[in-house]
Amino acid sequence: MLSVRTQAALAALSLAFAAHTPAMAADDGEKCEGFNRLLCMPLAAAASVADAAASVAEAVNFKKPSSKVVDATDEGDLARIKRFDPRKDPSFAPENMLGVAVNTYLTKPDPAKDAKRFAVLEYLVDKSDIAGELGTVLLQETVNQAYFARNAPQESWPRRLALAHLLVERGASARGINLSTCDHCETDNEFLALLIQAGANPNVQSTTYSALLNRFIRKDQFDAARRLVALGADPNGSTWGKRSMLVRLVSECDKDMTRNLVPSDRFDAEWQKCVSAVTTRVSFAIEQGADPNGKANPDNECLTPYDVALEKKNEELAARLLKLGARSRFGEVCRSGG
């Protein structure tokens, strides 16, 4: 179990990464759903990445690295790393150097140095206690790859997977990490399977990101979504306000909002495009086991996908939901206490 301090630090780190991500690329909560995304600006940086990273470092007692450590990890100079004496400088402690080495390995792709840098990682991991909070924090770094904005994703995937394997094999636990922030996770099922088997919850969500399955479906990553369901993701998982994932998918297509946001000469084409995309996603979710009635109950105001489709004036989707098993009066009966 992570300490409250570390949980808060991890949450701040996730928020900071989200704050530096373009609004169109993130799940920004109910106010940025569907066509609302056209109105969304990048999130205000509630905590900068630097400040959040500092909080994480403090939570696991990292010391500010010396330039010697930075240089040695950058070069992958294992012999020099071994000579550093923590009695002379606290930043030479293996746990502190490991944090620097992980960041260097993930954020500075250099094929000529990767093998040497990984050897440094192996040495420092074996010298550190990663069975507790430190291991979880470092695994979270493999998930929160905000540096994809700087590096081609395909350059980072092999290093991310190799590091995650090393940490898990040496005893790091993925319990407590936030998978909902995982960028490009749809590309590598081995990475997801590794983390979930190590304790990660595939259904977790955060303030700025919905559960990973929801994100996969909304990005039309259906193969990845199927694999995630096989790994334990819940198609009936809730989102904000205890609403079902299906309700959230349906709510992305709002006819009046589309009319307000799109030039009149493009409205019909854009509306049909939205209807088609959302209908496909909703149908897929139901095929994967989502309840056609959205698990509507008094706790979520008895809100059903069918009711939301009608509210958004998406009659085509409402009709499709009925064919897929939704009951037109389910919400009404629920609200009446029946």
Foldseek 3Di string as FASTA:
>chain_A
DQDPQLLVLLQLLLLQLQLPDALVVFQAPPCCFAPSVVVDGRDDRPDHNVRSVVSNCVSVVADDADVQLLVCLLQLPQVSLVPDDCVVPVCSQLLNSLVSLLCNQQQPDDVVRNVSSVVNNLVSLVRDPQQDDSLQVSLLCLFSPSSCVVPPVVSRVVSSQVNLVSSVVSRHANASHANQNGPPPLVDLVSVLSNVVRPHDQQDAGNTGHRNLLVCLLVVSLVSNLSVVVSPYDLLRAGPLRFGSLLSLLLNQALVVLPVPDPPVCSVVVNVVSLVSSLVSSVSSVVSPHDLQSPAAVSSLRDGSLVSNVVSVNVVSNVVSVVSPDDNCSSVCRNVVD
